[in-house]
Amino acid sequence: MSAFYQNLRKLVRSDDGPTATEYAVLLAVICVAVLGALSSFGVHMDGIYTSIAGTMPSGG
């Protein structure tokens, strides 16, 4: 039983768990930032494409 408690103590003191959590939070923040930037960029590009389409001659 002593080996079990020693392994349990190592697991509790390990830094792997908090590090993985920090990486997951960082990844979530990056994903939210990218989605926000893409949605903002998409709205801006829609106006540009509409403007370009208005200046193009019709195909008739």
PDB file of N, CA and C in Angstrom:
ATOM      1  N   MET A   1       0.821  -1.202   0.000  1.00  0.00           N
ATOM      2  CA  MET A   1       0.000   0.000   0.000  1.00  0.00           C
ATOM      3  C   MET A   1       0.857   1.255   0.000  1.00  0.00           C
ATOM      4  N   SER A   2       2.050   1.157   0.502  1.00  0.00           N
ATOM      5  CA  SER A   2       2.912   2.331   0.573  1.00  0.00           C
ATOM      6  C   SER A   2       3.247   2.855  -0.826  1.00  0.00           C
ATOM      7  N   ALA A   3       3.462   1.965  -1.765  1.00  0.00           N
ATOM      8  CA  ALA A   3       3.775   2.382  -3.135  1.00  0.00           C
ATOM      9  C   ALA A   3       2.578   3.100  -3.759  1.00  0.00           C
ATOM     10  N   PHE A   4       1.364   2.639  -3.425  1.00  0.00           N
ATOM     11  CA  PHE A   4       0.169   3.296  -3.940  1.00  0.00           C
ATOM     12  C   PHE A   4       0.091   4.727  -3.449  1.00  0.00           C
ATOM     13  N   TYR A   5       0.333   4.944  -2.186  1.00  0.00           N
ATOM     14  CA  TYR A   5       0.280   6.301  -1.622  1.00  0.00           C
ATOM     15  C   TYR A   5       1.395   7.189  -2.168  1.00  0.00           C
ATOM     16  N   GLN A   6       2.561   6.600  -2.409  1.00  0.00           N
ATOM     17  CA  GLN A   6       3.652   7.388  -2.986  1.00  0.00           C
ATOM     18  C   GLN A   6       3.306   7.820  -4.414  1.00  0.00           C
ATOM     19  N   ASN A   7       2.719   6.924  -5.194  1.00  0.00           N
ATOM     20  CA  ASN A   7       2.310   7.286  -6.551  1.00  0.00           C
ATOM     21  C   ASN A   7       1.186   8.310  -6.527  1.00  0.00           C
ATOM     22  N   LEU A   8       0.265   8.189  -5.587  1.00  0.00           N
ATOM     23  CA  LEU A   8      -0.818   9.152  -5.463  1.00  0.00           C
ATOM     24  C   LEU A   8      -0.273  10.522  -5.087  1.00  0.00           C
ATOM     25  N   ARG A   9       0.695  10.559  -4.196  1.00  0.00           N
ATOM     26  CA  ARG A   9       1.322  11.815  -3.787  1.00  0.00           C
ATOM     27  C   ARG A   9       2.042  12.463  -4.970  1.00  0.00           C
ATOM     28  N   LYS A  10       2.728  11.660  -5.789  1.00  0.00           N
ATOM     29  CA  LYS A  10       3.391  12.190  -6.982  1.00  0.00           C
ATOM     30  C   LYS A  10       2.380  12.774  -7.960  1.00  0.00           C
ATOM     31  N   LEU A  11       1.244  12.094  -8.116  1.00  0.00           N
ATOM     32  CA  LEU A  11       0.214  12.565  -9.028  1.00  0.00           C
ATOM     33  C   LEU A  11      -0.359  13.899  -8.577  1.00  0.00           C
ATOM     34  N   VAL A  12      -0.583  14.042  -7.285  1.00  0.00           N
ATOM     35  CA  VAL A  12      -1.147  15.285  -6.755  1.00  0.00           C
ATOM     36  C   VAL A  12      -0.159  16.427  -6.880  1.00  0.00           C
ATOM     37  N   ARG A  13       1.112  16.158  -6.695  1.00  0.00           N
ATOM     38  CA  ARG A  13       2.139  17.199  -6.760  1.00  0.00           C
ATOM     39  C   ARG A  13       2.604  17.489  -8.183  1.00  0.00           C
ATOM     40  N   SER A  14       2.183  16.695  -9.151  1.00  0.00           N
ATOM     41  CA  SER A  14       2.626  16.855 -10.526  1.00  0.00           C
ATOM     42  C   SER A  14       2.130  18.175 -11.103  1.00  0.00           C
ATOM     43  N   ASP A  15       2.937  18.761 -11.969  1.00  0.00           N
ATOM     44  CA  ASP A  15       2.573  20.018 -12.615  1.00  0.00           C
ATOM     45  C   ASP A  15       1.897  19.799 -13.967  1.00  0.00           C
ATOM     46  N   ASP A  16       1.725  18.576 -14.391  1.00  0.00           N
ATOM     47  CA  ASP A  16       1.151  18.302 -15.702  1.00  0.00           C
ATOM     48  C   ASP A  16      -0.309  18.741 -15.806  1.00  0.00           C
ATOM     49  N   GLY A  17      -1.076  18.537 -14.771  1.00  0.00           N
ATOM     50  CA  GLY A  17      -2.493  18.901 -14.796  1.00  0.00           C
ATOM     51  C   GLY A  17      -2.716  20.393 -14.976  1.00  0.00           C
ATOM     52  N   PRO A  18      -2.137  21.237 -14.133  1.00  0.00           N
ATOM     53  CA  PRO A  18      -2.322  22.679 -14.313  1.00  0.00           C
ATOM     54  C   PRO A  18      -1.759  23.194 -15.630  1.00  0.00           C
ATOM     55  N   THR A  19      -0.691  22.614 -16.106  1.00  0.00           N
ATOM     56  CA  THR A  19      -0.112  23.056 -17.366  1.00  0.00           C
ATOM     57  C   THR A  19      -1.062  22.759 -18.516  1.00  0.00           C
ATOM     58  N   ALA A  20      -1.667  21.593 -18.514  1.00  0.00           N
ATOM     59  CA  ALA A  20      -2.619  21.245 -19.561  1.00  0.00           C
ATOM     60  C   ALA A  20      -3.834  22.162 -19.499  1.00  0.00           C
ATOM     61  N   THR A  21      -4.263  22.496 -18.305  1.00  0.00           N
ATOM     62  CA  THR A  21      -5.398  23.407 -18.149  1.00  0.00           C
ATOM     63  C   THR A  21      -5.052  24.790 -18.678  1.00  0.00           C
ATOM     64  N   GLU A  22      -3.866  25.259 -18.394  1.00  0.00           N
ATOM     65  CA  GLU A  22      -3.439  26.574 -18.893  1.00  0.00           C
ATOM     66  C   GLU A  22      -3.399  26.581 -20.415  1.00  0.00           C
ATOM     67  N   TYR A  23      -2.912  25.508 -21.015  1.00  0.00           N
ATOM     68  CA  TYR A  23      -2.878  25.438 -22.476  1.00  0.00           C
ATOM     69  C   TYR A  23      -4.292  25.408 -23.051  1.00  0.00           C
ATOM     70  N   ALA A  24      -5.206  24.718 -22.397  1.00  0.00           N
ATOM     71  CA  ALA A  24      -6.586  24.660 -22.875  1.00  0.00           C
ATOM     72  C   ALA A  24      -7.243  26.038 -22.804  1.00  0.00           C
ATOM     73  N   VAL A  25      -7.001  26.772 -21.722  1.00  0.00           N
ATOM     74  CA  VAL A  25      -7.564  28.119 -21.598  1.00  0.00           C
ATOM     75  C   VAL A  25      -6.956  29.040 -22.650  1.00  0.00           C
ATOM     76  N   LEU A  26      -5.659  28.940 -22.858  1.00  0.00           N
ATOM     77  CA  LEU A  26      -4.989  29.755 -23.865  1.00  0.00           C
ATOM     78  C   LEU A  26      -5.527  29.443 -25.264  1.00  0.00           C
ATOM     79  N   LEU A  27      -5.751  28.186 -25.565  1.00  0.00           N
ATOM     80  CA  LEU A  27      -6.303  27.799 -26.860  1.00  0.00           C
ATOM     81  C   LEU A  27      -7.717  28.346 -27.034  1.00  0.00           C
ATOM     82  N   ALA A  28      -8.513  28.312 -25.981  1.00  0.00           N
ATOM     83  CA  ALA A  28      -9.875  28.842 -26.051  1.00  0.00           C
ATOM     84  C   ALA A  28      -9.860  30.350 -26.304  1.00  0.00           C
ATOM     85  N   VAL A  29      -8.966  31.075 -25.652  1.00  0.00           N
ATOM     86  CA  VAL A  29      -8.870  32.523 -25.851  1.00  0.00           C
ATOM     87  C   VAL A  29      -8.436  32.830 -27.286  1.00  0.00           C
ATOM     88  N   ILE A  30      -7.494  32.080 -27.806  1.00  0.00           N
ATOM     89  CA  ILE A  30      -7.036  32.286 -29.175  1.00  0.00           C
ATOM     90  C   ILE A  30      -8.169  32.003 -30.161  1.00  0.00           C
ATOM     91  N   CYS A  31      -8.927  30.942 -29.927  1.00  0.00           N
ATOM     92  CA  CYS A  31     -10.050  30.619 -30.821  1.00  0.00           C
ATOM     93  C   CYS A  31     -11.099  31.720 -30.817  1.00  0.00           C
ATOM     94  N   VAL A  32     -11.417  32.258 -29.658  1.00  0.00           N
ATOM     95  CA  VAL A  32     -12.397  33.342 -29.580  1.00  0.00           C
ATOM     96  C   VAL A  32     -11.883  34.580 -30.307  1.00  0.00           C
ATOM     97  N   ALA A  33     -10.613  34.887 -30.155  1.00  0.00           N
ATOM     98  CA  ALA A  33     -10.033  36.047 -30.831  1.00  0.00           C
ATOM     99  C   ALA A  33     -10.047  35.864 -32.351  1.00  0.00           C
ATOM    100  N   VAL A  34      -9.715  34.685 -32.816  1.00  0.00           N
ATOM    101  CA  VAL A  34      -9.711  34.425 -34.258  1.00  0.00           C
ATOM    102  C   VAL A  34     -11.128  34.504 -34.822  1.00  0.00           C
ATOM    103  N   LEU A  35     -12.090  33.921 -34.118  1.00  0.00           N
ATOM    104  CA  LEU A  35     -13.472  33.986 -34.595  1.00  0.00           C
ATOM    105  C   LEU A  35     -13.978  35.420 -34.624  1.00  0.00           C
ATOM    106  N   GLY A  36     -13.640  36.201 -33.629  1.00  0.00           N
ATOM    107  CA  GLY A  36     -14.046  37.607 -33.618  1.00  0.00           C
ATOM    108  C   GLY A  36     -13.422  38.384 -34.759  1.00  0.00           C
ATOM    109  N   ALA A  37     -12.150  38.144 -35.004  1.00  0.00           N
ATOM    110  CA  ALA A  37     -11.465  38.839 -36.095  1.00  0.00           C
ATOM    111  C   ALA A  37     -12.041  38.429 -37.457  1.00  0.00           C
ATOM    112  N   LEU A  38     -12.308  37.153 -37.627  1.00  0.00           N
ATOM    113  CA  LEU A  38     -12.849  36.694 -38.906  1.00  0.00           C
ATOM    114  C   LEU A  38     -14.256  37.227 -39.149  1.00  0.00           C
ATOM    115  N   SER A  39     -15.070  37.283 -38.116  1.00  0.00           N
ATOM    116  CA  SER A  39     -16.420  37.801 -38.322  1.00  0.00           C
ATOM    117  C   SER A  39     -16.378  39.296 -38.627  1.00  0.00           C
ATOM    118  N   SER A  40     -15.496  40.037 -37.979  1.00  0.00           N
ATOM    119  CA  SER A  40     -15.349  41.460 -38.256  1.00  0.00           C
ATOM    120  C   SER A  40     -14.798  41.671 -39.665  1.00  0.00           C
ATOM    121  N   PHE A  41     -13.830  40.885 -40.043  1.00  0.00           N
ATOM    122  CA  PHE A  41     -13.229  40.975 -41.365  1.00  0.00           C
ATOM    123  C   PHE A  41     -14.250  40.608 -42.441  1.00  0.00           C
ATOM    124  N   GLY A  42     -15.088  39.603 -42.160  1.00  0.00           N
ATOM    125  CA  GLY A  42     -16.096  39.176 -43.128  1.00  0.00           C
ATOM    126  C   GLY A  42     -17.113  40.267 -43.410  1.00  0.00           C
ATOM    127  N   VAL A  43     -17.541  40.984 -42.382  1.00  0.00           N
ATOM    128  CA  VAL A  43     -18.491  42.079 -42.576  1.00  0.00           C
ATOM    129  C   VAL A  43     -17.853  43.183 -43.411  1.00  0.00           C
ATOM    130  N   HIS A  44     -16.610  43.494 -43.142  1.00  0.00           N
ATOM    131  CA  HIS A  44     -15.892  44.529 -43.896  1.00  0.00           C
ATOM    132  C   HIS A  44     -15.727  44.105 -45.353  1.00  0.00           C
ATOM    133  N   MET A  45     -15.392  42.862 -45.598  1.00  0.00           N
ATOM    134  CA  MET A  45     -15.182  42.388 -46.963  1.00  0.00           C
ATOM    135  C   MET A  45     -16.495  42.363 -47.749  1.00  0.00           C
ATOM    136  N   ASP A  46     -17.603  42.114 -47.088  1.00  0.00           N
ATOM    137  CA  ASP A  46     -18.894  42.124 -47.780  1.00  0.00           C
ATOM    138  C   ASP A  46     -19.164  43.499 -48.386  1.00  0.00           C
ATOM    139  N   GLY A  47     -18.853  44.549 -47.650  1.00  0.00           N
ATOM    140  CA  GLY A  47     -19.027  45.907 -48.177  1.00  0.00           C
ATOM    141  C   GLY A  47     -18.112  46.183 -49.351  1.00  0.00           C
ATOM    142  N   ILE A  48     -16.906  45.697 -49.293  1.00  0.00           N
ATOM    143  CA  ILE A  48     -15.954  45.897 -50.391  1.00  0.00           C
ATOM    144  C   ILE A  48     -16.426  45.166 -51.647  1.00  0.00           C
ATOM    145  N   TYR A  49     -16.855  43.914 -51.509  1.00  0.00           N
ATOM    146  CA  TYR A  49     -17.326  43.157 -52.672  1.00  0.00           C
ATOM    147  C   TYR A  49     -18.587  43.783 -53.268  1.00  0.00           C
ATOM    148  N   THR A  50     -19.466  44.302 -52.434  1.00  0.00           N
ATOM    149  CA  THR A  50     -20.664  44.974 -52.937  1.00  0.00           C
ATOM    150  C   THR A  50     -20.286  46.225 -53.721  1.00  0.00           C
ATOM    151  N   SER A  51     -19.323  46.972 -53.220  1.00  0.00           N
ATOM    152  CA  SER A  51     -18.851  48.171 -53.913  1.00  0.00           C
ATOM    153  C   SER A  51     -18.214  47.829 -55.252  1.00  0.00           C
ATOM    154  N   ILE A  52     -17.409  46.786 -55.282  1.00  0.00           N
ATOM    155  CA  ILE A  52     -16.763  46.364 -56.527  1.00  0.00           C
ATOM    156  C   ILE A  52     -17.814  45.888 -57.524  1.00  0.00           C
ATOM    157  N   ALA A  53     -18.784  45.128 -57.052  1.00  0.00           N
ATOM    158  CA  ALA A  53     -19.828  44.611 -57.951  1.00  0.00           C
ATOM    159  C   ALA A  53     -20.649  45.756 -58.530  1.00  0.00           C
ATOM    160  N   GLY A  54     -20.832  46.839 -57.776  1.00  0.00           N
ATOM    161  CA  GLY A  54     -21.583  47.981 -58.281  1.00  0.00           C
ATOM    162  C   GLY A  54     -20.848  48.743 -59.355  1.00  0.00           C
ATOM    163  N   THR A  55     -19.531  48.706 -59.356  1.00  0.00           N
ATOM    164  CA  THR A  55     -18.765  49.455 -60.349  1.00  0.00           C
ATOM    165  C   THR A  55     -18.478  48.630 -61.608  1.00  0.00           C
ATOM    166  N   MET A  56     -18.702  47.326 -61.557  1.00  0.00           N
ATOM    167  CA  MET A  56     -18.446  46.476 -62.718  1.00  0.00           C
ATOM    168  C   MET A  56     -19.564  46.641 -63.756  1.00  0.00           C
ATOM    169  N   PRO A  57     -19.232  46.623 -65.028  1.00  0.00           N
ATOM    170  CA  PRO A  57     -20.272  46.698 -66.052  1.00  0.00           C
ATOM    171  C   PRO A  57     -21.089  45.398 -66.094  1.00  0.00           C
ATOM    172  N   SER A  58     -22.320  45.496 -66.487  1.00  0.00           N
ATOM    173  CA  SER A  58     -23.161  44.310 -66.565  1.00  0.00           C
ATOM    174  C   SER A  58     -22.721  43.464 -67.755  1.00  0.00           C
ATOM    175  N   GLY A  59     -23.018  42.190 -67.702  1.00  0.00           N
ATOM    176  CA  GLY A  59     -22.564  41.268 -68.746  1.00  0.00           C
ATOM    177  C   GLY A  59     -23.448  41.243 -69.966  1.00  0.00           C
ATOM    178  N   GLY A  60     -24.412  42.117 -70.095  1.00  0.00           N
ATOM    179  CA  GLY A  60     -25.350  42.066 -71.213  1.00  0.00           C
ATOM    180  C   GLY A  60     -24.869  42.774 -72.376  1.00  0.00           C
TER     181      GLY A  60
END
